[in-house]
Amino acid sequence: MDEIKVLLHKILERLDIQGATIEQMKGEIADIKEDIAVMKKDIADMQTDIVMMKKDIDVMKKDIAEMKKDINELKMTSWRQEKIIETLSLRSIEQESEIRELKRIK
């Protein structure tokens, strides 16, 4: 009978140890589940951020295209103005020459 009590006692000790291990594992599993939930939320937030960034990039691309167009228009305007200034300078030089000539004649 003592042997049975000893065996029973050992079995109960092992069951207690296994029960404690199981409880510890349950706690760790709960922690892992929490971590996974947090990661899922973080991933969802990142996906939202990525969508927003893509929209911002699209807007920036449009803005850059408009700026390039504006720059090209400014270049053309500047080039035309340079040509006008050149023409006016030549006319001015010609007119000054004509005025000198007229002054000499008088």
Protein backbone atom coordinates (compact mmCIF):
# COMPACT_ATOMS: atom_id res chain seq x y z
CA MET A 1 0.00 0.00 0.00
CA ASP A 2 2.87 2.37 0.74
CA GLU A 3 4.24 1.77 -2.72
CA ILE A 4 0.93 2.77 -4.24
CA LYS A 5 0.87 5.93 -2.11
CA VAL A 6 4.42 6.81 -3.17
CA LEU A 7 3.60 6.16 -6.84
CA LEU A 8 0.40 8.15 -6.51
CA HIS A 9 2.31 10.97 -4.82
CA LYS A 10 4.92 11.00 -7.63
CA ILE A 11 2.19 10.99 -10.26
CA LEU A 12 0.45 13.90 -8.53
CA GLU A 13 3.75 15.83 -8.34
CA ARG A 14 4.32 15.31 -12.05
CA LEU A 15 0.78 16.38 -12.79
CA ASP A 16 1.31 19.51 -10.70
CA ILE A 17 4.53 20.28 -12.58
CA GLN A 18 2.85 19.64 -15.92
CA GLY A 19 -0.12 21.77 -14.84
CA ALA A 20 2.23 24.62 -13.91
CA THR A 21 4.04 24.23 -17.22
CA ILE A 22 0.73 24.26 -19.07
CA GLU A 23 -0.34 27.42 -17.22
CA GLN A 24 2.98 29.06 -18.04
CA MET A 25 2.54 28.07 -21.70
CA LYS A 26 -1.00 29.48 -21.67
CA GLY A 27 0.40 32.79 -20.41
CA GLU A 28 3.08 32.83 -23.08
CA ILE A 29 0.51 31.99 -25.77
CA ALA A 30 -1.67 34.86 -24.53
CA ASP A 31 1.35 37.19 -24.75
CA ILE A 32 2.09 35.99 -28.27
CA LYS A 33 -1.53 36.56 -29.27
CA GLU A 34 -1.31 40.11 -27.90
CA ASP A 35 1.91 40.72 -29.82
CA ILE A 36 0.32 39.40 -33.01
CA ALA A 37 -2.69 41.68 -32.54
CA VAL A 38 -0.39 44.68 -32.08
CA MET A 39 1.60 43.70 -35.17
CA LYS A 40 -1.61 43.34 -37.20
CA LYS A 41 -2.65 46.84 -36.16
CA ASP A 42 0.81 48.20 -36.99
CA ILE A 43 0.68 46.55 -40.40
CA ALA A 44 -2.76 47.99 -41.06
CA ASP A 45 -1.48 51.44 -40.06
CA MET A 46 1.52 51.06 -42.35
CA GLN A 47 -0.72 50.02 -45.23
CA THR A 48 -2.82 53.14 -44.67
CA ASP A 49 0.35 55.25 -44.59
CA ILE A 50 1.56 53.64 -47.82
CA VAL A 51 -1.72 54.42 -49.55
CA MET A 52 -1.47 58.05 -48.36
CA MET A 53 2.14 58.29 -49.52
CA LYS A 54 1.23 56.92 -52.95
CA LYS A 55 -1.47 59.60 -53.25
CA ASP A 56 1.02 62.26 -52.15
CA ILE A 57 3.55 61.00 -54.71
CA ASP A 58 0.91 61.17 -57.45
CA VAL A 59 0.14 64.78 -56.49
CA MET A 60 3.86 65.58 -56.45
CA LYS A 61 4.31 64.04 -59.90
CA LYS A 62 1.51 66.24 -61.25
CA ASP A 63 3.01 69.30 -59.57
CA ILE A 64 6.45 68.53 -61.01
CA ALA A 65 4.97 68.08 -64.49
CA GLU A 66 3.24 71.47 -64.18
CA MET A 67 6.45 73.07 -62.92
CA LYS A 68 8.39 71.66 -65.88
CA LYS A 69 5.77 73.07 -68.22
CA ASP A 70 5.94 76.47 -66.48
CA ILE A 71 9.75 76.44 -66.62
CA ASN A 72 9.67 75.69 -70.35
CA GLU A 73 7.20 78.54 -70.87
CA LEU A 74 9.46 80.86 -68.87
CA LYS A 75 12.45 79.80 -70.96
CA MET A 76 10.54 80.55 -74.15
CA THR A 77 9.39 83.92 -72.81
CA SER A 78 12.92 84.75 -71.73
CA TRP A 79 14.30 83.74 -75.13
CA ARG A 80 11.69 85.92 -76.90
CA GLN A 81 12.49 88.84 -74.62
CA GLU A 82 16.20 88.45 -75.31
CA LYS A 83 15.48 88.57 -79.05
CA ILE A 84 13.32 91.67 -78.59
CA ILE A 85 16.07 93.34 -76.52
CA GLU A 86 18.64 92.48 -79.20
CA THR A 87 16.38 93.94 -81.88
CA LEU A 88 15.73 97.08 -79.83
CA SER A 89 19.45 97.46 -79.13
CA LEU A 90 20.25 97.26 -82.81
CA ARG A 91 17.53 99.78 -83.60
CA SER A 92 18.82 102.06 -80.89
CA ILE A 93 22.36 101.84 -82.23
CA GLU A 94 21.09 102.50 -85.75
CA GLN A 95 19.01 105.46 -84.56
CA GLU A 96 21.94 106.92 -82.62
CA SER A 97 24.08 106.58 -85.72
CA GLU A 98 21.41 108.28 -87.81
CA ILE A 99 21.07 111.10 -85.23
CA ARG A 100 24.86 111.65 -85.30
CA GLU A 101 24.79 111.67 -89.05
CA LEU A 102 21.95 114.21 -89.05
CA LYS A 103 23.81 116.39 -86.54
CA ARG A 104 26.88 116.33 -88.77
CA ILE A 105 24.87 117.32 -91.77
CA LYS A 106 23.40 120.35 -90.03
